[in-house]
PDB file of N, CA and C in Angstrom:
ATOM      1  N   MET A   1      13.709 -22.718  -8.354  1.00  0.00           N
ATOM      2  CA  MET A   1      13.204 -23.717  -8.672  1.00  0.00           C
ATOM      3  C   MET A   1      12.369 -24.628  -7.750  1.00  0.00           C
ATOM      4  N   GLU A   2      13.205 -24.993  -6.395  1.00  0.00           N
ATOM      5  CA  GLU A   2      12.677 -25.185  -4.828  1.00  0.00           C
ATOM      6  C   GLU A   2      11.245 -24.622  -4.485  1.00  0.00           C
ATOM      7  N   ALA A   3      11.230 -23.260  -4.825  1.00  0.00           N
ATOM      8  CA  ALA A   3      10.093 -22.582  -4.350  1.00  0.00           C
ATOM      9  C   ALA A   3       8.973 -22.647  -5.027  1.00  0.00           C
ATOM     10  N   MET A   4       9.268 -22.938  -6.234  1.00  0.00           N
ATOM     11  CA  MET A   4       8.143 -22.979  -7.456  1.00  0.00           C
ATOM     12  C   MET A   4       7.329 -24.300  -7.362  1.00  0.00           C
ATOM     13  N   ALA A   5       8.664 -25.617  -7.104  1.00  0.00           N
ATOM     14  CA  ALA A   5       7.877 -27.039  -6.688  1.00  0.00           C
ATOM     15  C   ALA A   5       6.883 -26.782  -5.579  1.00  0.00           C
ATOM     16  N   SER A   6       7.476 -26.049  -4.470  1.00  0.00           N
ATOM     17  CA  SER A   6       6.161 -25.875  -3.201  1.00  0.00           C
ATOM     18  C   SER A   6       4.940 -25.541  -3.364  1.00  0.00           C
ATOM     19  N   GLY A   7       5.384 -24.989  -4.456  1.00  0.00           N
ATOM     20  CA  GLY A   7       3.704 -24.147  -5.005  1.00  0.00           C
ATOM     21  C   GLY A   7       3.644 -22.432  -4.745  1.00  0.00           C
ATOM     22  N   LEU A   8       5.186 -22.222  -4.614  1.00  0.00           N
ATOM     23  CA  LEU A   8       5.102 -20.515  -3.998  1.00  0.00           C
ATOM     24  C   LEU A   8       4.972 -19.895  -5.300  1.00  0.00           C
ATOM     25  N   PRO A   9       4.382 -18.616  -4.937  1.00  0.00           N
ATOM     26  CA  PRO A   9       4.486 -17.586  -6.563  1.00  0.00           C
ATOM     27  C   PRO A   9       6.020 -17.478  -6.212  1.00  0.00           C
ATOM     28  N   VAL A  10       6.557 -17.362  -7.604  1.00  0.00           N
ATOM     29  CA  VAL A  10       7.922 -16.845  -7.322  1.00  0.00           C
ATOM     30  C   VAL A  10       8.140 -15.317  -8.188  1.00  0.00           C
ATOM     31  N   ILE A  11       8.731 -14.664  -7.765  1.00  0.00           N
ATOM     32  CA  ILE A  11       9.172 -13.419  -8.594  1.00  0.00           C
ATOM     33  C   ILE A  11      10.667 -13.185  -9.075  1.00  0.00           C
ATOM     34  N   ALA A  12      11.035 -13.249 -10.239  1.00  0.00           N
ATOM     35  CA  ALA A  12      12.247 -13.259 -10.703  1.00  0.00           C
ATOM     36  C   ALA A  12      12.569 -12.246 -11.873  1.00  0.00           C
ATOM     37  N   PRO A  13      14.068 -11.912 -12.200  1.00  0.00           N
ATOM     38  CA  PRO A  13      14.022 -11.420 -13.421  1.00  0.00           C
ATOM     39  C   PRO A  13      13.746 -11.752 -14.797  1.00  0.00           C
ATOM     40  N   ARG A  14      13.281 -11.350 -15.799  1.00  0.00           N
ATOM     41  CA  ARG A  14      13.454 -11.883 -16.773  1.00  0.00           C
ATOM     42  C   ARG A  14      14.148 -11.669 -17.792  1.00  0.00           C
ATOM     43  N   TRP A  15      15.697 -12.619 -17.481  1.00  0.00           N
ATOM     44  CA  TRP A  15      16.932 -12.906 -17.530  1.00  0.00           C
ATOM     45  C   TRP A  15      17.563 -13.653 -17.497  1.00  0.00           C
ATOM     46  N   GLY A  16      18.417 -14.412 -17.693  1.00  0.00           N
ATOM     47  CA  GLY A  16      19.184 -15.451 -17.020  1.00  0.00           C
ATOM     48  C   GLY A  16      19.024 -16.666 -17.020  1.00  0.00           C
ATOM     49  N   GLY A  17      19.710 -18.011 -16.777  1.00  0.00           N
ATOM     50  CA  GLY A  17      19.364 -19.347 -16.721  1.00  0.00           C
ATOM     51  C   GLY A  17      18.137 -19.774 -15.993  1.00  0.00           C
ATOM     52  N   GLN A  18      17.605 -18.889 -15.150  1.00  0.00           N
ATOM     53  CA  GLN A  18      16.150 -19.393 -14.649  1.00  0.00           C
ATOM     54  C   GLN A  18      15.170 -19.189 -15.648  1.00  0.00           C
ATOM     55  N   LEU A  19      15.268 -18.921 -16.896  1.00  0.00           N
ATOM     56  CA  LEU A  19      14.012 -18.836 -18.114  1.00  0.00           C
ATOM     57  C   LEU A  19      14.045 -20.391 -18.441  1.00  0.00           C
ATOM     58  N   ASP A  20      15.083 -21.133 -18.225  1.00  0.00           N
ATOM     59  CA  ASP A  20      14.889 -22.468 -18.736  1.00  0.00           C
ATOM     60  C   ASP A  20      13.613 -22.946 -17.930  1.00  0.00           C
ATOM     61  N   PHE A  21      13.448 -22.499 -17.085  1.00  0.00           N
ATOM     62  CA  PHE A  21      12.135 -23.559 -16.607  1.00  0.00           C
ATOM     63  C   PHE A  21      10.893 -22.322 -15.838  1.00  0.00           C
ATOM     64  N   MET A  22      11.408 -21.466 -15.841  1.00  0.00           N
ATOM     65  CA  MET A  22      10.669 -20.340 -15.506  1.00  0.00           C
ATOM     66  C   MET A  22       9.818 -19.372 -17.152  1.00  0.00           C
ATOM     67  N   ASN A  23       8.754 -19.039 -16.724  1.00  0.00           N
ATOM     68  CA  ASN A  23       7.843 -18.216 -17.804  1.00  0.00           C
ATOM     69  C   ASN A  23       6.793 -17.641 -17.656  1.00  0.00           C
ATOM     70  N   LYS A  24       6.309 -16.679 -18.284  1.00  0.00           N
ATOM     71  CA  LYS A  24       4.735 -15.786 -17.986  1.00  0.00           C
ATOM     72  C   LYS A  24       3.852 -16.715 -17.440  1.00  0.00           C
ATOM     73  N   ASN A  25       3.519 -17.772 -17.553  1.00  0.00           N
ATOM     74  CA  ASN A  25       2.718 -18.920 -16.757  1.00  0.00           C
ATOM     75  C   ASN A  25       2.508 -19.224 -15.702  1.00  0.00           C
ATOM     76  N   ASN A  26       3.845 -19.760 -15.403  1.00  0.00           N
ATOM     77  CA  ASN A  26       4.333 -20.012 -13.954  1.00  0.00           C
ATOM     78  C   ASN A  26       4.861 -19.356 -12.884  1.00  0.00           C
ATOM     79  N   SER A  27       5.442 -18.086 -13.542  1.00  0.00           N
ATOM     80  CA  SER A  27       6.061 -17.160 -12.392  1.00  0.00           C
ATOM     81  C   SER A  27       5.607 -15.798 -12.735  1.00  0.00           C
ATOM     82  N   PHE A  28       6.027 -14.589 -11.854  1.00  0.00           N
ATOM     83  CA  PHE A  28       6.102 -13.684 -12.086  1.00  0.00           C
ATOM     84  C   PHE A  28       7.507 -13.151 -12.555  1.00  0.00           C
ATOM     85  N   LEU A  29       7.871 -12.717 -13.776  1.00  0.00           N
ATOM     86  CA  LEU A  29       8.966 -12.468 -14.399  1.00  0.00           C
ATOM     87  C   LEU A  29       9.221 -10.720 -14.293  1.00  0.00           C
ATOM     88  N   ILE A  30      10.105 -10.045 -13.854  1.00  0.00           N
ATOM     89  CA  ILE A  30      10.259  -8.979 -14.046  1.00  0.00           C
ATOM     90  C   ILE A  30      11.582  -8.208 -15.230  1.00  0.00           C
ATOM     91  N   ASP A  31      10.726  -7.412 -15.770  1.00  0.00           N
ATOM     92  CA  ASP A  31      11.547  -6.437 -16.975  1.00  0.00           C
ATOM     93  C   ASP A  31      12.806  -5.983 -16.386  1.00  0.00           C
ATOM     94  N   CYS A  32      14.116  -6.397 -17.205  1.00  0.00           N
ATOM     95  CA  CYS A  32      15.205  -5.751 -16.594  1.00  0.00           C
ATOM     96  C   CYS A  32      15.887  -5.052 -17.948  1.00  0.00           C
ATOM     97  N   THR A  33      16.878  -4.502 -17.718  1.00  0.00           N
ATOM     98  CA  THR A  33      17.554  -3.540 -18.816  1.00  0.00           C
ATOM     99  C   THR A  33      19.531  -4.375 -18.764  1.00  0.00           C
ATOM    100  N   GLU A  34      19.620  -4.968 -19.892  1.00  0.00           N
ATOM    101  CA  GLU A  34      20.701  -4.838 -19.291  1.00  0.00           C
ATOM    102  C   GLU A  34      22.084  -4.321 -19.599  1.00  0.00           C
ATOM    103  N   VAL A  35      23.362  -4.175 -18.758  1.00  0.00           N
ATOM    104  CA  VAL A  35      24.069  -3.211 -17.958  1.00  0.00           C
ATOM    105  C   VAL A  35      25.304  -3.452 -18.127  1.00  0.00           C
ATOM    106  N   ARG A  36      26.532  -2.617 -18.171  1.00  0.00           N
ATOM    107  CA  ARG A  36      27.700  -3.261 -18.061  1.00  0.00           C
ATOM    108  C   ARG A  36      28.154  -3.007 -16.983  1.00  0.00           C
ATOM    109  N   VAL A  37      28.757  -3.784 -16.097  1.00  0.00           N
ATOM    110  CA  VAL A  37      29.197  -4.007 -15.068  1.00  0.00           C
ATOM    111  C   VAL A  37      30.341  -2.866 -14.872  1.00  0.00           C
ATOM    112  N   SER A  38      29.646  -2.145 -13.732  1.00  0.00           N
ATOM    113  CA  SER A  38      30.294  -0.757 -13.639  1.00  0.00           C
ATOM    114  C   SER A  38      31.967  -0.790 -13.085  1.00  0.00           C
ATOM    115  N   ASP A  39      32.475   0.249 -13.426  1.00  0.00           N
ATOM    116  CA  ASP A  39      33.829   0.112 -12.634  1.00  0.00           C
ATOM    117  C   ASP A  39      34.154   0.082 -11.390  1.00  0.00           C
ATOM    118  N   MET A  40      33.473   0.162 -10.776  1.00  0.00           N
ATOM    119  CA  MET A  40      33.719   0.210  -9.232  1.00  0.00           C
ATOM    120  C   MET A  40      33.468  -1.065  -9.146  1.00  0.00           C
ATOM    121  N   ASP A  41      32.680  -1.931  -9.640  1.00  0.00           N
ATOM    122  CA  ASP A  41      32.521  -3.433  -9.501  1.00  0.00           C
ATOM    123  C   ASP A  41      33.538  -4.158  -9.757  1.00  0.00           C
ATOM    124  N   ILE A  42      33.885  -3.925 -10.906  1.00  0.00           N
ATOM    125  CA  ILE A  42      34.981  -4.549 -11.599  1.00  0.00           C
ATOM    126  C   ILE A  42      36.589  -4.102 -10.841  1.00  0.00           C
ATOM    127  N   ALA A  43      36.424  -2.595 -10.591  1.00  0.00           N
ATOM    128  CA  ALA A  43      37.627  -2.752  -9.266  1.00  0.00           C
ATOM    129  C   ALA A  43      37.772  -3.456  -7.590  1.00  0.00           C
ATOM    130  N   GLU A  44      36.243  -3.573  -7.991  1.00  0.00           N
ATOM    131  CA  GLU A  44      36.264  -4.900  -6.410  1.00  0.00           C
ATOM    132  C   GLU A  44      36.682  -6.451  -6.753  1.00  0.00           C
ATOM    133  N   GLN A  45      36.301  -6.493  -8.374  1.00  0.00           N
ATOM    134  CA  GLN A  45      36.155  -7.998  -8.579  1.00  0.00           C
ATOM    135  C   GLN A  45      36.292  -7.852 -10.180  1.00  0.00           C
ATOM    136  N   PRO A  46      37.745  -7.867 -10.173  1.00  0.00           N
ATOM    137  CA  PRO A  46      38.222  -7.818 -12.057  1.00  0.00           C
ATOM    138  C   PRO A  46      37.575  -9.108 -13.099  1.00  0.00           C
ATOM    139  N   VAL A  47      36.981  -9.982 -11.934  1.00  0.00           N
ATOM    140  CA  VAL A  47      36.818 -11.532 -13.275  1.00  0.00           C
ATOM    141  C   VAL A  47      35.232 -10.757 -13.716  1.00  0.00           C
ATOM    142  N   TYR A  48      34.822  -9.622 -13.287  1.00  0.00           N
ATOM    143  CA  TYR A  48      33.303  -8.887 -13.894  1.00  0.00           C
ATOM    144  C   TYR A  48      33.986  -8.314 -14.867  1.00  0.00           C
ATOM    145  N   ALA A  49      35.086  -7.486 -15.169  1.00  0.00           N
ATOM    146  CA  ALA A  49      35.401  -7.073 -16.619  1.00  0.00           C
ATOM    147  C   ALA A  49      34.928  -7.817 -17.787  1.00  0.00           C
ATOM    148  N   GLY A  50      33.895  -6.941 -18.614  1.00  0.00           N
ATOM    149  CA  GLY A  50      33.409  -7.046 -19.680  1.00  0.00           C
ATOM    150  C   GLY A  50      32.238  -7.559 -19.411  1.00  0.00           C
ATOM    151  N   GLN A  51      31.864  -8.231 -18.290  1.00  0.00           N
ATOM    152  CA  GLN A  51      30.180  -8.952 -18.062  1.00  0.00           C
ATOM    153  C   GLN A  51      29.255  -7.895 -18.318  1.00  0.00           C
ATOM    154  N   ILE A  52      28.055  -8.439 -18.469  1.00  0.00           N
ATOM    155  CA  ILE A  52      26.905  -7.586 -18.437  1.00  0.00           C
ATOM    156  C   ILE A  52      25.820  -8.187 -17.966  1.00  0.00           C
ATOM    157  N   TRP A  53      25.337  -7.253 -17.037  1.00  0.00           N
ATOM    158  CA  TRP A  53      24.406  -7.716 -15.823  1.00  0.00           C
ATOM    159  C   TRP A  53      22.680  -7.513 -16.190  1.00  0.00           C
ATOM    160  N   ALA A  54      21.827  -8.365 -15.479  1.00  0.00           N
ATOM    161  CA  ALA A  54      20.477  -7.445 -15.651  1.00  0.00           C
ATOM    162  C   ALA A  54      20.318  -6.659 -14.598  1.00  0.00           C
ATOM    163  N   GLU A  55      19.676  -5.337 -14.789  1.00  0.00           N
ATOM    164  CA  GLU A  55      19.224  -4.362 -13.893  1.00  0.00           C
ATOM    165  C   GLU A  55      17.837  -4.343 -13.820  1.00  0.00           C
ATOM    166  N   PRO A  56      16.801  -4.855 -13.323  1.00  0.00           N
ATOM    167  CA  PRO A  56      15.946  -5.343 -13.117  1.00  0.00           C
ATOM    168  C   PRO A  56      14.779  -3.950 -12.941  1.00  0.00           C
ATOM    169  N   SER A  57      13.509  -3.849 -13.311  1.00  0.00           N
ATOM    170  CA  SER A  57      12.820  -2.725 -13.497  1.00  0.00           C
ATOM    171  C   SER A  57      12.250  -2.620 -11.854  1.00  0.00           C
ATOM    172  N   ILE A  58      12.338  -1.505 -10.914  1.00  0.00           N
ATOM    173  CA  ILE A  58      12.097  -1.292  -9.911  1.00  0.00           C
ATOM    174  C   ILE A  58      10.386  -1.476 -10.181  1.00  0.00           C
ATOM    175  N   GLU A  59       9.955  -0.538 -11.088  1.00  0.00           N
ATOM    176  CA  GLU A  59       8.567  -0.175 -10.671  1.00  0.00           C
ATOM    177  C   GLU A  59       7.766  -1.799 -11.345  1.00  0.00           C
ATOM    178  N   HIS A  60       8.117  -2.218 -11.842  1.00  0.00           N
ATOM    179  CA  HIS A  60       8.031  -3.920 -12.920  1.00  0.00           C
ATOM    180  C   HIS A  60       7.780  -4.770 -11.452  1.00  0.00           C
ATOM    181  N   LEU A  61       8.879  -4.860 -10.261  1.00  0.00           N
ATOM    182  CA  LEU A  61       9.153  -5.660  -8.997  1.00  0.00           C
ATOM    183  C   LEU A  61       8.157  -5.068  -8.234  1.00  0.00           C
ATOM    184  N   ARG A  62       7.949  -3.797  -7.538  1.00  0.00           N
ATOM    185  CA  ARG A  62       6.995  -3.412  -7.130  1.00  0.00           C
ATOM    186  C   ARG A  62       5.852  -3.700  -7.469  1.00  0.00           C
ATOM    187  N   SER A  63       5.060  -3.845  -8.649  1.00  0.00           N
ATOM    188  CA  SER A  63       3.932  -4.036  -9.348  1.00  0.00           C
ATOM    189  C   SER A  63       3.677  -5.483  -8.899  1.00  0.00           C
ATOM    190  N   ALA A  64       4.825  -6.543  -9.140  1.00  0.00           N
ATOM    191  CA  ALA A  64       4.569  -7.912  -8.943  1.00  0.00           C
ATOM    192  C   ALA A  64       4.348  -8.092  -7.689  1.00  0.00           C
ATOM    193  N   MET A  65       4.976  -7.442  -6.743  1.00  0.00           N
ATOM    194  CA  MET A  65       4.921  -8.171  -5.261  1.00  0.00           C
ATOM    195  C   MET A  65       3.581  -7.181  -4.719  1.00  0.00           C
ATOM    196  N   ARG A  66       3.157  -6.265  -5.121  1.00  0.00           N
ATOM    197  CA  ARG A  66       1.982  -5.510  -4.797  1.00  0.00           C
ATOM    198  C   ARG A  66       0.649  -6.921  -5.457  1.00  0.00           C
ATOM    199  N   THR A  67       1.070  -7.633  -6.747  1.00  0.00           N
ATOM    200  CA  THR A  67      -0.009  -8.504  -7.116  1.00  0.00           C
ATOM    201  C   THR A  67      -0.221  -9.911  -6.402  1.00  0.00           C
ATOM    202  N   VAL A  68       1.200 -10.123  -5.865  1.00  0.00           N
ATOM    203  CA  VAL A  68       0.927 -11.352  -4.910  1.00  0.00           C
ATOM    204  C   VAL A  68       0.985 -10.850  -3.453  1.00  0.00           C
ATOM    205  N   ALA A  69       0.791  -9.859  -3.292  1.00  0.00           N
ATOM    206  CA  ALA A  69       0.498 -10.027  -2.265  1.00  0.00           C
ATOM    207  C   ALA A  69      -1.156  -9.351  -1.835  1.00  0.00           C
ATOM    208  N   ARG A  70      -1.434  -8.786  -2.765  1.00  0.00           N
ATOM    209  CA  ARG A  70      -3.287  -8.503  -2.801  1.00  0.00           C
ATOM    210  C   ARG A  70      -3.646  -9.079  -3.676  1.00  0.00           C
ATOM    211  N   ASP A  71      -3.665 -10.453  -4.379  1.00  0.00           N
ATOM    212  CA  ASP A  71      -4.484 -10.890  -5.193  1.00  0.00           C
ATOM    213  C   ASP A  71      -3.944 -12.566  -4.876  1.00  0.00           C
ATOM    214  N   ARG A  72      -4.082 -13.030  -3.451  1.00  0.00           N
ATOM    215  CA  ARG A  72      -3.783 -14.129  -3.563  1.00  0.00           C
ATOM    216  C   ARG A  72      -4.158 -15.293  -4.116  1.00  0.00           C
ATOM    217  N   ASP A  73      -5.339 -15.067  -5.034  1.00  0.00           N
ATOM    218  CA  ASP A  73      -5.880 -16.453  -5.760  1.00  0.00           C
ATOM    219  C   ASP A  73      -4.926 -16.052  -7.121  1.00  0.00           C
ATOM    220  N   ARG A  74      -4.540 -15.027  -7.746  1.00  0.00           N
ATOM    221  CA  ARG A  74      -3.855 -15.262  -8.650  1.00  0.00           C
ATOM    222  C   ARG A  74      -2.199 -15.952  -8.205  1.00  0.00           C
ATOM    223  N   ALA A  75      -1.981 -15.735  -7.225  1.00  0.00           N
ATOM    224  CA  ALA A  75      -0.781 -15.657  -6.643  1.00  0.00           C
ATOM    225  C   ALA A  75      -0.463 -17.188  -6.585  1.00  0.00           C
ATOM    226  N   ALA A  76      -1.448 -18.332  -5.931  1.00  0.00           N
ATOM    227  CA  ALA A  76      -1.738 -19.430  -5.828  1.00  0.00           C
ATOM    228  C   ALA A  76      -2.151 -20.073  -6.869  1.00  0.00           C
ATOM    229  N   THR A  77      -2.627 -19.589  -7.803  1.00  0.00           N
ATOM    230  CA  THR A  77      -2.536 -20.283  -8.982  1.00  0.00           C
ATOM    231  C   THR A  77      -1.269 -20.469  -9.746  1.00  0.00           C
ATOM    232  N   ILE A  78      -0.567 -19.058  -9.817  1.00  0.00           N
ATOM    233  CA  ILE A  78       0.743 -19.233 -10.222  1.00  0.00           C
ATOM    234  C   ILE A  78       1.651 -20.622  -9.551  1.00  0.00           C
ATOM    235  N   GLY A  79       1.626 -20.336  -8.243  1.00  0.00           N
ATOM    236  CA  GLY A  79       2.131 -21.303  -7.588  1.00  0.00           C
ATOM    237  C   GLY A  79       2.033 -22.673  -7.587  1.00  0.00           C
ATOM    238  N   ARG A  80       0.659 -22.964  -8.128  1.00  0.00           N
ATOM    239  CA  ARG A  80       0.200 -24.450  -8.759  1.00  0.00           C
ATOM    240  C   ARG A  80       0.715 -24.460  -9.939  1.00  0.00           C
ATOM    241  N   ILE A  81       0.460 -23.695 -10.744  1.00  0.00           N
ATOM    242  CA  ILE A  81       1.045 -23.951 -11.760  1.00  0.00           C
ATOM    243  C   ILE A  81       2.829 -24.375 -11.865  1.00  0.00           C
ATOM    244  N   ALA A  82       3.021 -23.611 -11.110  1.00  0.00           N
ATOM    245  CA  ALA A  82       4.660 -23.567 -11.143  1.00  0.00           C
ATOM    246  C   ALA A  82       4.946 -25.063 -10.800  1.00  0.00           C
ATOM    247  N   ALA A  83       4.310 -25.633  -9.483  1.00  0.00           N
ATOM    248  CA  ALA A  83       4.394 -26.573  -8.749  1.00  0.00           C
ATOM    249  C   ALA A  83       4.480 -27.968  -9.942  1.00  0.00           C
ATOM    250  N   ALA A  84       3.356 -27.883 -10.598  1.00  0.00           N
ATOM    251  CA  ALA A  84       2.935 -28.900 -11.669  1.00  0.00           C
ATOM    252  C   ALA A  84       4.405 -28.909 -12.691  1.00  0.00           C
ATOM    253  N   ASP A  85       4.595 -27.916 -13.554  1.00  0.00           N
ATOM    254  CA  ASP A  85       5.868 -27.830 -14.226  1.00  0.00           C
ATOM    255  C   ASP A  85       7.113 -28.042 -13.786  1.00  0.00           C
ATOM    256  N   VAL A  86       7.600 -27.832 -12.803  1.00  0.00           N
ATOM    257  CA  VAL A  86       8.590 -28.430 -12.332  1.00  0.00           C
ATOM    258  C   VAL A  86       7.976 -30.142 -12.319  1.00  0.00           C
ATOM    259  N   ARG A  87       7.210 -30.802 -11.451  1.00  0.00           N
ATOM    260  CA  ARG A  87       7.183 -32.415 -11.230  1.00  0.00           C
ATOM    261  C   ARG A  87       7.074 -32.334 -12.702  1.00  0.00           C
ATOM    262  N   GLU A  88       6.658 -31.862 -13.584  1.00  0.00           N
ATOM    263  CA  GLU A  88       6.679 -32.864 -14.912  1.00  0.00           C
ATOM    264  C   GLU A  88       7.633 -32.471 -15.448  1.00  0.00           C
ATOM    265  N   ASN A  89       8.589 -31.554 -15.758  1.00  0.00           N
ATOM    266  CA  ASN A  89       9.592 -31.433 -16.594  1.00  0.00           C
ATOM    267  C   ASN A  89      11.105 -31.710 -15.556  1.00  0.00           C
ATOM    268  N   PHE A  90      10.799 -31.359 -14.158  1.00  0.00           N
ATOM    269  CA  PHE A  90      12.367 -31.812 -13.463  1.00  0.00           C
ATOM    270  C   PHE A  90      11.859 -33.092 -12.629  1.00  0.00           C
ATOM    271  N   SER A  91      11.220 -33.986 -12.868  1.00  0.00           N
ATOM    272  CA  SER A  91      11.486 -34.975 -11.823  1.00  0.00           C
ATOM    273  C   SER A  91      12.575 -35.599 -11.812  1.00  0.00           C
ATOM    274  N   PRO A  92      12.987 -36.039 -10.911  1.00  0.00           N
ATOM    275  CA  PRO A  92      14.438 -37.096 -10.940  1.00  0.00           C
ATOM    276  C   PRO A  92      14.281 -37.847 -12.275  1.00  0.00           C
ATOM    277  N   THR A  93      13.394 -38.301 -12.622  1.00  0.00           N
ATOM    278  CA  THR A  93      13.456 -39.180 -14.116  1.00  0.00           C
ATOM    279  C   THR A  93      13.473 -38.240 -15.060  1.00  0.00           C
ATOM    280  N   GLN A  94      12.625 -37.141 -15.101  1.00  0.00           N
ATOM    281  CA  GLN A  94      13.246 -36.225 -16.385  1.00  0.00           C
ATOM    282  C   GLN A  94      14.538 -35.591 -16.410  1.00  0.00           C
ATOM    283  N   VAL A  95      14.873 -34.945 -15.380  1.00  0.00           N
ATOM    284  CA  VAL A  95      16.615 -34.527 -15.327  1.00  0.00           C
ATOM    285  C   VAL A  95      17.648 -35.491 -15.635  1.00  0.00           C
ATOM    286  N   ALA A  96      17.005 -37.203 -15.332  1.00  0.00           N
ATOM    287  CA  ALA A  96      17.786 -38.052 -15.754  1.00  0.00           C
ATOM    288  C   ALA A  96      18.193 -38.104 -17.195  1.00  0.00           C
ATOM    289  N   LEU A  97      16.948 -38.215 -17.922  1.00  0.00           N
ATOM    290  CA  LEU A  97      16.306 -38.008 -19.277  1.00  0.00           C
ATOM    291  C   LEU A  97      17.513 -37.107 -20.037  1.00  0.00           C
ATOM    292  N   ILE A  98      17.113 -35.906 -19.656  1.00  0.00           N
ATOM    293  CA  ILE A  98      17.991 -34.873 -19.557  1.00  0.00           C
ATOM    294  C   ILE A  98      19.438 -34.843 -19.993  1.00  0.00           C
ATOM    295  N   LEU A  99      19.757 -35.652 -18.982  1.00  0.00           N
ATOM    296  CA  LEU A  99      21.476 -35.459 -18.438  1.00  0.00           C
ATOM    297  C   LEU A  99      21.910 -36.743 -19.573  1.00  0.00           C
ATOM    298  N   ARG A 100      21.560 -37.736 -19.865  1.00  0.00           N
ATOM    299  CA  ARG A 100      21.143 -38.706 -21.030  1.00  0.00           C
ATOM    300  C   ARG A 100      21.117 -38.231 -22.181  1.00  0.00           C
ATOM    301  N   ALA A 101      20.659 -37.252 -22.300  1.00  0.00           N
ATOM    302  CA  ALA A 101      20.668 -36.724 -23.889  1.00  0.00           C
ATOM    303  C   ALA A 101      21.642 -36.010 -24.053  1.00  0.00           C
ATOM    304  N   ILE A 102      22.428 -35.155 -22.867  1.00  0.00           N
ATOM    305  CA  ILE A 102      23.621 -34.282 -23.180  1.00  0.00           C
ATOM    306  C   ILE A 102      24.415 -34.746 -23.631  1.00  0.00           C
ATOM    307  N   MET A 103      25.002 -36.093 -22.404  1.00  0.00           N
ATOM    308  CA  MET A 103      25.649 -37.278 -22.514  1.00  0.00           C
ATOM    309  C   MET A 103      26.249 -37.753 -23.649  1.00  0.00           C
ATOM    310  N   GLN A 104      25.090 -38.209 -24.493  1.00  0.00           N
ATOM    311  CA  GLN A 104      24.614 -38.824 -25.936  1.00  0.00           C
ATOM    312  C   GLN A 104      25.531 -37.956 -26.753  1.00  0.00           C
ATOM    313  N   GLU A 105      25.052 -36.527 -26.776  1.00  0.00           N
ATOM    314  CA  GLU A 105      25.860 -35.818 -27.609  1.00  0.00           C
ATOM    315  C   GLU A 105      27.141 -35.600 -27.697  1.00  0.00           C
ATOM    316  N   PHE A 106      27.766 -35.658 -26.907  1.00  0.00           N
ATOM    317  CA  PHE A 106      29.265 -36.132 -26.766  1.00  0.00           C
ATOM    318  C   PHE A 106      30.401 -37.527 -26.562  1.00  0.00           C
ATOM    319  N   GLN A 107      29.241 -38.359 -26.937  1.00  0.00           N
ATOM    320  CA  GLN A 107      29.936 -39.589 -27.418  1.00  0.00           C
ATOM    321  C   GLN A 107      29.864 -39.749 -28.868  1.00  0.00           C
TER     322      GLN A 107
END
């Protein structure tokens, strides 16, 4: 979100919590496949047992990186849209309103 707020074009997986503020209009989202955590990873960190992770498409990532590198105008436009979205939806005032609404649900 910080990079987006700075107007930078952001590339990230189309999976997870960042989709609360990232979309196809304000970022370059990479297709993913859901995979179970490997036995090797579970052996290193047992807390990962039963989890599912995103495996980003390498080809889609390469394509997005090439687009950002080659089409500077499009990358800059996406960056401007991202910065505007973050300012509009996640300013300190907006975040305070979001938190207030969440807190009221628990009263």
